[in-house]
Amino acid sequence: VIFFLFFPGIDMLRLFIERIVNGRNPFDGDKNHIHH
């Protein structure tokens, strides 16, 4: 189950960490996703 749900999950985790480190709301949108 983790495998087929994992790719969006790991991208979300990375974005949350980066946004929090940069003092931003983790739910704020940006164009820093892996697909962008």
Full PDB file with SEQRES, HELIX, SHEET, SSBOND, CRYST1, ORIGX, SCALE, CONECT and MASTER records, all heavy atoms in Angstrom:
SEQRES   1 A   36  VAL ILE PHE PHE LEU PHE PHE PRO GLY ILE ASP MET LEU          
SEQRES   2 A   36  ARG LEU PHE ILE GLU ARG ILE VAL ASN GLY ARG ASN PRO          
SEQRES   3 A   36  PHE ASP GLY ASP LYS ASN HIS ILE HIS HIS                      
HELIX    1 AA1 ILE A    2  VAL A   21  1                                  20    
CRYST1    1.000    1.000    1.000  90.00  90.00  90.00 P 1           1          
ORIGX1      1.000000  0.000000  0.000000        0.00000                         
ORIGX2      0.000000  1.000000  0.000000        0.00000                         
ORIGX3      0.000000  0.000000  1.000000        0.00000                         
SCALE1      1.000000  0.000000  0.000000        0.00000                         
SCALE2      0.000000  1.000000  0.000000        0.00000                         
SCALE3      0.000000  0.000000  1.000000        0.00000                         
ATOM      1  N   VAL A   1       0.841  -1.200   0.000  1.00  0.00           N  
ATOM      2  CA  VAL A   1       0.000   0.000   0.000  1.00  0.00           C  
ATOM      3  C   VAL A   1       0.879   1.254   0.000  1.00  0.00           C  
ATOM      4  O   VAL A   1       0.640   2.205  -0.750  1.00  0.00           O  
ATOM      5  CB  VAL A   1      -0.944   0.022   1.223  1.00  0.00           C  
ATOM      6  CG1 VAL A   1      -1.733   1.332   1.267  1.00  0.00           C  
ATOM      7  CG2 VAL A   1      -1.895  -1.166   1.185  1.00  0.00           C  
ATOM      8  N   ILE A   2       1.918   1.243   0.823  1.00  0.00           N  
ATOM      9  CA  ILE A   2       2.835   2.380   0.884  1.00  0.00           C  
ATOM     10  C   ILE A   2       3.466   2.629  -0.477  1.00  0.00           C  
ATOM     11  O   ILE A   2       3.600   3.775  -0.915  1.00  0.00           O  
ATOM     12  CB  ILE A   2       3.933   2.142   1.946  1.00  0.00           C  
ATOM     13  CG1 ILE A   2       3.319   2.179   3.346  1.00  0.00           C  
ATOM     14  CG2 ILE A   2       5.040   3.188   1.835  1.00  0.00           C  
ATOM     15  CD1 ILE A   2       4.264   1.710   4.441  1.00  0.00           C  
ATOM     16  N   PHE A   3       3.837   1.545  -1.179  1.00  0.00           N  
ATOM     17  CA  PHE A   3       4.500   1.701  -2.471  1.00  0.00           C  
ATOM     18  C   PHE A   3       3.649   2.463  -3.468  1.00  0.00           C  
ATOM     19  O   PHE A   3       4.099   3.428  -4.079  1.00  0.00           O  
ATOM     20  CB  PHE A   3       4.874   0.335  -3.055  1.00  0.00           C  
ATOM     21  CG  PHE A   3       5.419   0.419  -4.457  1.00  0.00           C  
ATOM     22  CD1 PHE A   3       6.744   0.750  -4.671  1.00  0.00           C  
ATOM     23  CD2 PHE A   3       4.599   0.189  -5.560  1.00  0.00           C  
ATOM     24  CE1 PHE A   3       7.242   0.846  -5.969  1.00  0.00           C  
ATOM     25  CE2 PHE A   3       5.099   0.280  -6.846  1.00  0.00           C  
ATOM     26  CZ  PHE A   3       6.424   0.610  -7.048  1.00  0.00           C  
ATOM     27  N   PHE A   4       2.386   2.048  -3.650  1.00  0.00           N  
ATOM     28  CA  PHE A   4       1.634   2.710  -4.709  1.00  0.00           C  
ATOM     29  C   PHE A   4       1.030   4.049  -4.282  1.00  0.00           C  
ATOM     30  O   PHE A   4       0.497   4.788  -5.105  1.00  0.00           O  
ATOM     31  CB  PHE A   4       0.607   1.782  -5.373  1.00  0.00           C  
ATOM     32  CG  PHE A   4      -0.438   1.157  -4.491  1.00  0.00           C  
ATOM     33  CD1 PHE A   4      -1.501   1.887  -4.007  1.00  0.00           C  
ATOM     34  CD2 PHE A   4      -0.379  -0.197  -4.202  1.00  0.00           C  
ATOM     35  CE1 PHE A   4      -2.487   1.298  -3.253  1.00  0.00           C  
ATOM     36  CE2 PHE A   4      -1.356  -0.798  -3.425  1.00  0.00           C  
ATOM     37  CZ  PHE A   4      -2.411  -0.056  -2.950  1.00  0.00           C  
ATOM     38  N   LEU A   5       1.156   4.413  -2.993  1.00  0.00           N  
ATOM     39  CA  LEU A   5       0.726   5.752  -2.566  1.00  0.00           C  
ATOM     40  C   LEU A   5       1.918   6.666  -2.272  1.00  0.00           C  
ATOM     41  O   LEU A   5       1.735   7.827  -1.903  1.00  0.00           O  
ATOM     42  CB  LEU A   5      -0.143   5.642  -1.299  1.00  0.00           C  
ATOM     43  CG  LEU A   5      -1.368   4.735  -1.347  1.00  0.00           C  
ATOM     44  CD1 LEU A   5      -2.124   4.803  -0.019  1.00  0.00           C  
ATOM     45  CD2 LEU A   5      -2.294   5.118  -2.489  1.00  0.00           C  
ATOM     46  N   PHE A   6       3.130   6.159  -2.469  1.00  0.00           N  
ATOM     47  CA  PHE A   6       4.312   6.769  -1.881  1.00  0.00           C  
ATOM     48  C   PHE A   6       4.830   8.016  -2.599  1.00  0.00           C  
ATOM     49  O   PHE A   6       5.256   8.966  -1.957  1.00  0.00           O  
ATOM     50  CB  PHE A   6       5.427   5.720  -1.811  1.00  0.00           C  
ATOM     51  CG  PHE A   6       6.565   6.111  -0.913  1.00  0.00           C  
ATOM     52  CD1 PHE A   6       6.338   6.549   0.373  1.00  0.00           C  
ATOM     53  CD2 PHE A   6       7.878   6.033  -1.355  1.00  0.00           C  
ATOM     54  CE1 PHE A   6       7.379   6.898   1.212  1.00  0.00           C  
ATOM     55  CE2 PHE A   6       8.929   6.382  -0.536  1.00  0.00           C  
ATOM     56  CZ  PHE A   6       8.688   6.815   0.748  1.00  0.00           C  
ATOM     57  N   PHE A   7       4.816   8.047  -3.922  1.00  0.00           N  
ATOM     58  CA  PHE A   7       5.481   9.145  -4.633  1.00  0.00           C  
ATOM     59  C   PHE A   7       4.882  10.512  -4.300  1.00  0.00           C  
ATOM     60  O   PHE A   7       5.611  11.454  -3.982  1.00  0.00           O  
ATOM     61  CB  PHE A   7       5.457   8.892  -6.142  1.00  0.00           C  
ATOM     62  CG  PHE A   7       6.554   9.623  -6.873  1.00  0.00           C  
ATOM     63  CD1 PHE A   7       7.789   9.032  -7.064  1.00  0.00           C  
ATOM     64  CD2 PHE A   7       6.346  10.896  -7.366  1.00  0.00           C  
ATOM     65  CE1 PHE A   7       8.808   9.703  -7.726  1.00  0.00           C  
ATOM     66  CE2 PHE A   7       7.350  11.581  -8.033  1.00  0.00           C  
ATOM     67  CZ  PHE A   7       8.590  10.978  -8.214  1.00  0.00           C  
ATOM     68  N   PRO A   8       3.539  10.677  -4.352  1.00  0.00           N  
ATOM     69  CA  PRO A   8       2.982  11.970  -3.910  1.00  0.00           C  
ATOM     70  C   PRO A   8       3.310  12.261  -2.456  1.00  0.00           C  
ATOM     71  O   PRO A   8       3.513  13.420  -2.066  1.00  0.00           O  
ATOM     72  CB  PRO A   8       1.471  11.790  -4.110  1.00  0.00           C  
ATOM     73  CG  PRO A   8       1.347  10.701  -5.112  1.00  0.00           C  
ATOM     74  CD  PRO A   8       2.491   9.773  -4.853  1.00  0.00           C  
ATOM     75  N   GLY A   9       3.380  11.200  -1.628  1.00  0.00           N  
ATOM     76  CA  GLY A   9       3.653  11.374  -0.203  1.00  0.00           C  
ATOM     77  C   GLY A   9       5.041  11.912   0.069  1.00  0.00           C  
ATOM     78  O   GLY A   9       5.218  12.823   0.891  1.00  0.00           O  
ATOM     79  N   ILE A  10       6.047  11.384  -0.609  1.00  0.00           N  
ATOM     80  CA  ILE A  10       7.412  11.834  -0.366  1.00  0.00           C  
ATOM     81  C   ILE A  10       7.623  13.259  -0.878  1.00  0.00           C  
ATOM     82  O   ILE A  10       8.359  14.054  -0.294  1.00  0.00           O  
ATOM     83  CB  ILE A  10       8.449  10.851  -0.980  1.00  0.00           C  
ATOM     84  CG1 ILE A  10       9.845  11.145  -0.435  1.00  0.00           C  
ATOM     85  CG2 ILE A  10       8.441  10.912  -2.492  1.00  0.00           C  
ATOM     86  CD1 ILE A  10      10.884  10.123  -0.859  1.00  0.00           C  
ATOM     87  N   ASP A  11       6.934  13.620  -1.966  1.00  0.00           N  
ATOM     88  CA  ASP A  11       7.029  14.989  -2.475  1.00  0.00           C  
ATOM     89  C   ASP A  11       6.369  15.961  -1.495  1.00  0.00           C  
ATOM     90  O   ASP A  11       6.890  17.053  -1.245  1.00  0.00           O  
ATOM     91  CB  ASP A  11       6.363  15.092  -3.847  1.00  0.00           C  
ATOM     92  CG  ASP A  11       6.772  16.349  -4.595  1.00  0.00           C  
ATOM     93  OD1 ASP A  11       7.972  16.679  -4.601  1.00  0.00           O  
ATOM     94  OD2 ASP A  11       5.894  17.012  -5.173  1.00  0.00           O  
ATOM     95  N   MET A  12       5.231  15.572  -0.917  1.00  0.00           N  
ATOM     96  CA  MET A  12       4.573  16.403   0.079  1.00  0.00           C  
ATOM     97  C   MET A  12       5.459  16.596   1.304  1.00  0.00           C  
ATOM     98  O   MET A  12       5.599  17.714   1.827  1.00  0.00           O  
ATOM     99  CB  MET A  12       3.242  15.779   0.503  1.00  0.00           C  
ATOM    100  CG  MET A  12       2.517  16.548   1.603  1.00  0.00           C  
ATOM    101  SD  MET A  12       1.059  15.680   2.247  1.00  0.00           S  
ATOM    102  CE  MET A  12       1.867  14.303   3.114  1.00  0.00           C  
ATOM    103  N   LEU A  13       6.091  15.523   1.779  1.00  0.00           N  
ATOM    104  CA  LEU A  13       6.967  15.605   2.950  1.00  0.00           C  
ATOM    105  C   LEU A  13       8.117  16.567   2.698  1.00  0.00           C  
ATOM    106  O   LEU A  13       8.433  17.421   3.541  1.00  0.00           O  
ATOM    107  CB  LEU A  13       7.514  14.210   3.287  1.00  0.00           C  
ATOM    108  CG  LEU A  13       8.500  14.133   4.459  1.00  0.00           C  
ATOM    109  CD1 LEU A  13       7.831  14.595   5.750  1.00  0.00           C  
ATOM    110  CD2 LEU A  13       9.047  12.713   4.599  1.00  0.00           C  
ATOM    111  N   ARG A  14       8.731  16.446   1.530  1.00  0.00           N  
ATOM    112  CA  ARG A  14       9.844  17.354   1.196  1.00  0.00           C  
ATOM    113  C   ARG A  14       9.385  18.801   1.138  1.00  0.00           C  
ATOM    114  O   ARG A  14      10.042  19.705   1.682  1.00  0.00           O  
ATOM    115  CB  ARG A  14      10.430  16.906  -0.153  1.00  0.00           C  
ATOM    116  CG  ARG A  14      11.742  17.580  -0.541  1.00  0.00           C  
ATOM    117  CD  ARG A  14      11.558  18.732  -1.497  1.00  0.00           C  
ATOM    118  NE  ARG A  14      10.804  18.371  -2.679  1.00  0.00           N  
ATOM    119  CZ  ARG A  14      10.397  19.264  -3.586  1.00  0.00           C  
ATOM    120  NH1 ARG A  14      10.631  20.555  -3.420  1.00  0.00           N  
ATOM    121  NH2 ARG A  14       9.687  18.878  -4.637  1.00  0.00           N  
ATOM    122  N   LEU A  15       8.219  19.061   0.525  1.00  0.00           N  
ATOM    123  CA  LEU A  15       7.694  20.420   0.429  1.00  0.00           C  
ATOM    124  C   LEU A  15       7.347  20.987   1.804  1.00  0.00           C  
ATOM    125  O   LEU A  15       7.631  22.157   2.098  1.00  0.00           O  
ATOM    126  CB  LEU A  15       6.455  20.434  -0.468  1.00  0.00           C  
ATOM    127  CG  LEU A  15       6.718  20.299  -1.966  1.00  0.00           C  
ATOM    128  CD1 LEU A  15       5.431  19.942  -2.697  1.00  0.00           C  
ATOM    129  CD2 LEU A  15       7.298  21.581  -2.536  1.00  0.00           C  
ATOM    130  N   PHE A  16       6.723  20.171   2.661  1.00  0.00           N  
ATOM    131  CA  PHE A  16       6.381  20.620   4.009  1.00  0.00           C  
ATOM    132  C   PHE A  16       7.640  21.033   4.773  1.00  0.00           C  
ATOM    133  O   PHE A  16       7.668  22.080   5.424  1.00  0.00           O  
ATOM    134  CB  PHE A  16       5.650  19.508   4.769  1.00  0.00           C  
ATOM    135  CG  PHE A  16       4.166  19.456   4.502  1.00  0.00           C  
ATOM    136  CD1 PHE A  16       3.587  20.221   3.505  1.00  0.00           C  
ATOM    137  CD2 PHE A  16       3.340  18.628   5.256  1.00  0.00           C  
ATOM    138  CE1 PHE A  16       2.220  20.173   3.243  1.00  0.00           C  
ATOM    139  CE2 PHE A  16       1.976  18.572   5.019  1.00  0.00           C  
ATOM    140  CZ  PHE A  16       1.409  19.344   4.012  1.00  0.00           C  
ATOM    141  N   ILE A  17       8.684  20.200   4.691  1.00  0.00           N  
ATOM    142  CA  ILE A  17       9.928  20.500   5.408  1.00  0.00           C  
ATOM    143  C   ILE A  17      10.552  21.792   4.892  1.00  0.00           C  
ATOM    144  O   ILE A  17      10.949  22.665   5.674  1.00  0.00           O  
ATOM    145  CB  ILE A  17      10.916  19.325   5.275  1.00  0.00           C  
ATOM    146  CG1 ILE A  17      10.394  18.102   6.035  1.00  0.00           C  
ATOM    147  CG2 ILE A  17      12.295  19.722   5.799  1.00  0.00           C  
ATOM    148  CD1 ILE A  17      11.198  16.841   5.790  1.00  0.00           C  
ATOM    149  N   GLU A  18      10.620  21.936   3.571  1.00  0.00           N  
ATOM    150  CA  GLU A  18      11.224  23.137   2.986  1.00  0.00           C  
ATOM    151  C   GLU A  18      10.446  24.391   3.361  1.00  0.00           C  
ATOM    152  O   GLU A  18      11.031  25.436   3.689  1.00  0.00           O  
ATOM    153  CB  GLU A  18      11.283  23.003   1.459  1.00  0.00           C  
ATOM    154  CG  GLU A  18      12.345  22.033   0.973  1.00  0.00           C  
ATOM    155  CD  GLU A  18      12.465  22.011  -0.537  1.00  0.00           C  
ATOM    156  OE1 GLU A  18      11.624  22.651  -1.223  1.00  0.00           O  
ATOM    157  OE2 GLU A  18      13.394  21.360  -1.045  1.00  0.00           O  
ATOM    158  N   ARG A  19       9.114  24.319   3.321  1.00  0.00           N  
ATOM    159  CA  ARG A  19       8.300  25.486   3.629  1.00  0.00           C  
ATOM    160  C   ARG A  19       8.431  25.881   5.098  1.00  0.00           C  
ATOM    161  O   ARG A  19       8.527  27.066   5.427  1.00  0.00           O  
ATOM    162  CB  ARG A  19       6.836  25.218   3.275  1.00  0.00           C  
ATOM    163  CG  ARG A  19       6.589  25.125   1.771  1.00  0.00           C  
ATOM    164  CD  ARG A  19       5.199  24.584   1.453  1.00  0.00           C  
ATOM    165  NE  ARG A  19       4.998  24.414   0.020  1.00  0.00           N  
ATOM    166  CZ  ARG A  19       3.923  23.858  -0.516  1.00  0.00           C  
ATOM    167  NH1 ARG A  19       2.949  23.397   0.263  1.00  0.00           N  
ATOM    168  NH2 ARG A  19       3.817  23.740  -1.821  1.00  0.00           N  
ATOM    169  N   ILE A  20       8.432  24.891   5.985  1.00  0.00           N  
ATOM    170  CA  ILE A  20       8.562  25.177   7.417  1.00  0.00           C  
ATOM    171  C   ILE A  20       9.930  25.775   7.724  1.00  0.00           C  
ATOM    172  O   ILE A  20      10.052  26.755   8.468  1.00  0.00           O  
ATOM    173  CB  ILE A  20       8.325  23.896   8.250  1.00  0.00           C  
ATOM    174  CG1 ILE A  20       6.851  23.477   8.155  1.00  0.00           C  
ATOM    175  CG2 ILE A  20       8.715  24.117   9.715  1.00  0.00           C  
ATOM    176  CD1 ILE A  20       6.558  22.109   8.727  1.00  0.00           C  
ATOM    177  N   VAL A  21      10.991  25.199   7.124  1.00  0.00           N  
ATOM    178  CA  VAL A  21      12.355  25.721   7.316  1.00  0.00           C  
ATOM    179  C   VAL A  21      12.454  27.161   6.839  1.00  0.00           C  
ATOM    180  O   VAL A  21      13.145  27.991   7.444  1.00  0.00           O  
ATOM    181  CB  VAL A  21      13.378  24.828   6.572  1.00  0.00           C  
ATOM    182  CG1 VAL A  21      14.738  25.515   6.496  1.00  0.00           C  
ATOM    183  CG2 VAL A  21      13.505  23.478   7.255  1.00  0.00           C  
ATOM    184  N   ASN A  22      11.719  27.490   5.774  1.00  0.00           N  
ATOM    185  CA  ASN A  22      11.738  28.849   5.225  1.00  0.00           C  
ATOM    186  C   ASN A  22      10.720  29.772   5.880  1.00  0.00           C  
ATOM    187  O   ASN A  22      10.491  30.894   5.417  1.00  0.00           O  
ATOM    188  CB  ASN A  22      11.482  28.805   3.714  1.00  0.00           C  
ATOM    189  CG  ASN A  22      12.635  28.155   2.962  1.00  0.00           C  
ATOM    190  OD1 ASN A  22      13.796  28.317   3.318  1.00  0.00           O  
ATOM    191  ND2 ASN A  22      12.318  27.394   1.920  1.00  0.00           N  
ATOM    192  N   GLY A  23      10.090  29.300   6.973  1.00  0.00           N  
ATOM    193  CA  GLY A  23       9.169  30.134   7.731  1.00  0.00           C  
ATOM    194  C   GLY A  23       7.825  30.348   7.068  1.00  0.00           C  
ATOM    195  O   GLY A  23       7.141  31.336   7.353  1.00  0.00           O  
ATOM    196  N   ARG A  24       7.415  29.400   6.220  1.00  0.00           N  
ATOM    197  CA  ARG A  24       6.139  29.521   5.517  1.00  0.00           C  
ATOM    198  C   ARG A  24       5.145  28.495   6.027  1.00  0.00           C  
ATOM    199  O   ARG A  24       5.510  27.479   6.618  1.00  0.00           O  
ATOM    200  CB  ARG A  24       6.350  29.320   4.015  1.00  0.00           C  
ATOM    201  CG  ARG A  24       7.211  30.362   3.341  1.00  0.00           C  
ATOM    202  CD  ARG A  24       7.464  29.999   1.898  1.00  0.00           C  
ATOM    203  NE  ARG A  24       6.211  29.729   1.205  1.00  0.00           N  
ATOM    204  CZ  ARG A  24       6.113  28.900   0.171  1.00  0.00           C  
ATOM    205  NH1 ARG A  24       7.171  28.253  -0.268  1.00  0.00           N  
ATOM    206  NH2 ARG A  24       4.934  28.719  -0.406  1.00  0.00           N  
ATOM    207  N   ASN A  25       3.867  28.769   5.780  1.00  0.00           N  
ATOM    208  CA  ASN A  25       2.818  27.807   6.081  1.00  0.00           C  
ATOM    209  C   ASN A  25       3.013  26.586   5.178  1.00  0.00           C  
ATOM    210  O   ASN A  25       3.111  26.738   3.955  1.00  0.00           O  
ATOM    211  CB  ASN A  25       1.441  28.443   5.825  1.00  0.00           C  
ATOM    212  CG  ASN A  25       0.284  27.546   6.244  1.00  0.00           C  
ATOM    213  OD1 ASN A  25       0.335  26.324   6.128  1.00  0.00           O  
ATOM    214  ND2 ASN A  25      -0.783  28.160   6.721  1.00  0.00           N  
ATOM    215  N   PRO A  26       3.079  25.369   5.741  1.00  0.00           N  
ATOM    216  CA  PRO A  26       3.312  24.183   4.894  1.00  0.00           C  
ATOM    217  C   PRO A  26       2.224  23.949   3.862  1.00  0.00           C  
ATOM    218  O   PRO A  26       2.438  23.216   2.883  1.00  0.00           O  
ATOM    219  CB  PRO A  26       3.377  23.027   5.905  1.00  0.00           C  
ATOM    220  CG  PRO A  26       2.692  23.541   7.130  1.00  0.00           C  
ATOM    221  CD  PRO A  26       2.967  25.017   7.162  1.00  0.00           C  
ATOM    222  N   PHE A  27       1.042  24.570   4.051  1.00  0.00           N  
ATOM    223  CA  PHE A  27      -0.063  24.377   3.115  1.00  0.00           C  
ATOM    224  C   PHE A  27      -0.132  25.470   2.051  1.00  0.00           C  
ATOM    225  O   PHE A  27      -1.006  25.444   1.192  1.00  0.00           O  
ATOM    226  CB  PHE A  27      -1.394  24.296   3.873  1.00  0.00           C  
ATOM    227  CG  PHE A  27      -1.499  23.104   4.775  1.00  0.00           C  
ATOM    228  CD1 PHE A  27      -1.302  23.240   6.139  1.00  0.00           C  
ATOM    229  CD2 PHE A  27      -1.771  21.846   4.261  1.00  0.00           C  
ATOM    230  CE1 PHE A  27      -1.383  22.138   6.980  1.00  0.00           C  
ATOM    231  CE2 PHE A  27      -1.856  20.737   5.094  1.00  0.00           C  
ATOM    232  CZ  PHE A  27      -1.656  20.889   6.465  1.00  0.00           C  
ATOM    233  N   ASP A  28       0.790  26.444   2.115  1.00  0.00           N  
ATOM    234  CA  ASP A  28       0.842  27.474   1.080  1.00  0.00           C  
ATOM    235  C   ASP A  28       1.292  26.862  -0.248  1.00  0.00           C  
ATOM    236  O   ASP A  28       2.200  26.018  -0.271  1.00  0.00           O  
ATOM    237  CB  ASP A  28       1.812  28.591   1.470  1.00  0.00           C  
ATOM    238  CG  ASP A  28       1.229  29.521   2.516  1.00  0.00           C  
ATOM    239  OD1 ASP A  28       0.008  29.461   2.742  1.00  0.00           O  
ATOM    240  OD2 ASP A  28       1.998  30.303   3.109  1.00  0.00           O  
ATOM    241  N   GLY A  29       0.657  27.292  -1.332  1.00  0.00           N  
ATOM    242  CA  GLY A  29       1.015  26.755  -2.639  1.00  0.00           C  
ATOM    243  C   GLY A  29       2.286  27.370  -3.193  1.00  0.00           C  
ATOM    244  O   GLY A  29       2.664  28.488  -2.844  1.00  0.00           O  
ATOM    245  N   ASP A  30       2.968  26.647  -4.058  1.00  0.00           N  
ATOM    246  CA  ASP A  30       4.115  27.179  -4.788  1.00  0.00           C  
ATOM    247  C   ASP A  30       4.335  26.295  -6.021  1.00  0.00           C  
ATOM    248  O   ASP A  30       3.574  25.353  -6.271  1.00  0.00           O  
ATOM    249  CB  ASP A  30       5.376  27.238  -3.920  1.00  0.00           C  
ATOM    250  CG  ASP A  30       5.786  25.887  -3.344  1.00  0.00           C  
ATOM    251  OD1 ASP A  30       5.565  24.863  -4.019  1.00  0.00           O  
ATOM    252  OD2 ASP A  30       6.311  25.845  -2.219  1.00  0.00           O  
ATOM    253  N   LYS A  31       5.370  26.611  -6.776  1.00  0.00           N  
ATOM    254  CA  LYS A  31       5.700  25.836  -7.986  1.00  0.00           C  
ATOM    255  C   LYS A  31       7.027  25.111  -7.798  1.00  0.00           C  
ATOM    256  O   LYS A  31       7.842  25.031  -8.713  1.00  0.00           O  
ATOM    257  CB  LYS A  31       5.729  26.759  -9.203  1.00  0.00           C  
ATOM    258  CG  LYS A  31       4.336  27.233  -9.625  1.00  0.00           C  
ATOM    259  CD  LYS A  31       4.390  28.416 -10.574  1.00  0.00           C  
ATOM    260  CE  LYS A  31       5.127  28.094 -11.843  1.00  0.00           C  
ATOM    261  NZ  LYS A  31       5.167  29.246 -12.780  1.00  0.00           N  
ATOM    262  N   ASN A  32       7.202  24.571  -6.580  1.00  0.00           N  
ATOM    263  CA  ASN A  32       8.430  23.868  -6.242  1.00  0.00           C  
ATOM    264  C   ASN A  32       8.213  22.359  -6.173  1.00  0.00           C  
ATOM    265  O   ASN A  32       9.047  21.626  -5.662  1.00  0.00           O  
ATOM    266  CB  ASN A  32       8.961  24.388  -4.897  1.00  0.00           C  
ATOM    267  CG  ASN A  32      10.376  23.926  -4.624  1.00  0.00           C  
ATOM    268  OD1 ASN A  32      11.168  23.705  -5.546  1.00  0.00           O  
ATOM    269  ND2 ASN A  32      10.700  23.737  -3.357  1.00  0.00           N  
ATOM    270  N   HIS A  33       7.064  21.893  -6.681  1.00  0.00           N  
ATOM    271  CA  HIS A  33       6.780  20.457  -6.681  1.00  0.00           C  
ATOM    272  C   HIS A  33       7.721  19.748  -7.656  1.00  0.00           C  
ATOM    273  O   HIS A  33       8.261  20.369  -8.581  1.00  0.00           O  
ATOM    274  CB  HIS A  33       5.333  20.197  -7.106  1.00  0.00           C  
ATOM    275  CG  HIS A  33       4.318  20.838  -6.210  1.00  0.00           C  
ATOM    276  ND1 HIS A  33       4.150  22.205  -6.148  1.00  0.00           N  
ATOM    277  CD2 HIS A  33       3.425  20.310  -5.333  1.00  0.00           C  
ATOM    278  CE1 HIS A  33       3.189  22.493  -5.272  1.00  0.00           C  
ATOM    279  NE2 HIS A  33       2.742  21.368  -4.768  1.00  0.00           N  
ATOM    280  N   ILE A  34       7.880  18.454  -7.477  1.00  0.00           N  
ATOM    281  CA  ILE A  34       8.799  17.699  -8.329  1.00  0.00           C  
ATOM    282  C   ILE A  34       8.388  17.778  -9.800  1.00  0.00           C  
ATOM    283  O   ILE A  34       9.238  17.860 -10.692  1.00  0.00           O  
ATOM    284  CB  ILE A  34       8.905  16.224  -7.853  1.00  0.00           C  
ATOM    285  CG1 ILE A  34      10.055  15.502  -8.563  1.00  0.00           C  
ATOM    286  CG2 ILE A  34       7.591  15.485  -8.059  1.00  0.00           C  
ATOM    287  CD1 ILE A  34      11.424  16.006  -8.177  1.00  0.00           C  
ATOM    288  N   HIS A  35       7.076  17.807 -10.078  1.00  0.00           N  
ATOM    289  CA  HIS A  35       6.642  17.869 -11.478  1.00  0.00           C  
ATOM    290  C   HIS A  35       6.950  19.231 -12.104  1.00  0.00           C  
ATOM    291  O   HIS A  35       7.217  19.324 -13.292  1.00  0.00           O  
ATOM    292  CB  HIS A  35       5.149  17.533 -11.619  1.00  0.00           C  
ATOM    293  CG  HIS A  35       4.265  18.190 -10.617  1.00  0.00           C  
ATOM    294  ND1 HIS A  35       3.912  17.585  -9.425  1.00  0.00           N  
ATOM    295  CD2 HIS A  35       3.645  19.397 -10.621  1.00  0.00           C  
ATOM    296  CE1 HIS A  35       3.106  18.391  -8.749  1.00  0.00           C  
ATOM    297  NE2 HIS A  35       2.934  19.492  -9.451  1.00  0.00           N  
ATOM    298  N   HIS A  36       6.919  20.296 -11.301  1.00  0.00           N  
ATOM    299  CA  HIS A  36       7.287  21.619 -11.827  1.00  0.00           C  
ATOM    300  C   HIS A  36       8.778  21.662 -12.149  1.00  0.00           C  
ATOM    301  O   HIS A  36       9.198  22.233 -13.169  1.00  0.00           O  
ATOM    302  CB  HIS A  36       6.958  22.712 -10.807  1.00  0.00           C  
ATOM    303  CG  HIS A  36       5.490  22.919 -10.611  1.00  0.00           C  
ATOM    304  ND1 HIS A  36       4.906  23.009  -9.376  1.00  0.00           N  
ATOM    305  CD2 HIS A  36       4.476  23.034 -11.497  1.00  0.00           C  
ATOM    306  CE1 HIS A  36       3.602  23.179  -9.507  1.00  0.00           C  
ATOM    307  NE2 HIS A  36       3.322  23.198 -10.785  1.00  0.00           N  
TER     308      HIS A  36                                                      
MASTER        0    0    0    1    0    0    0    6  307    1    0    3          
END                                                                             
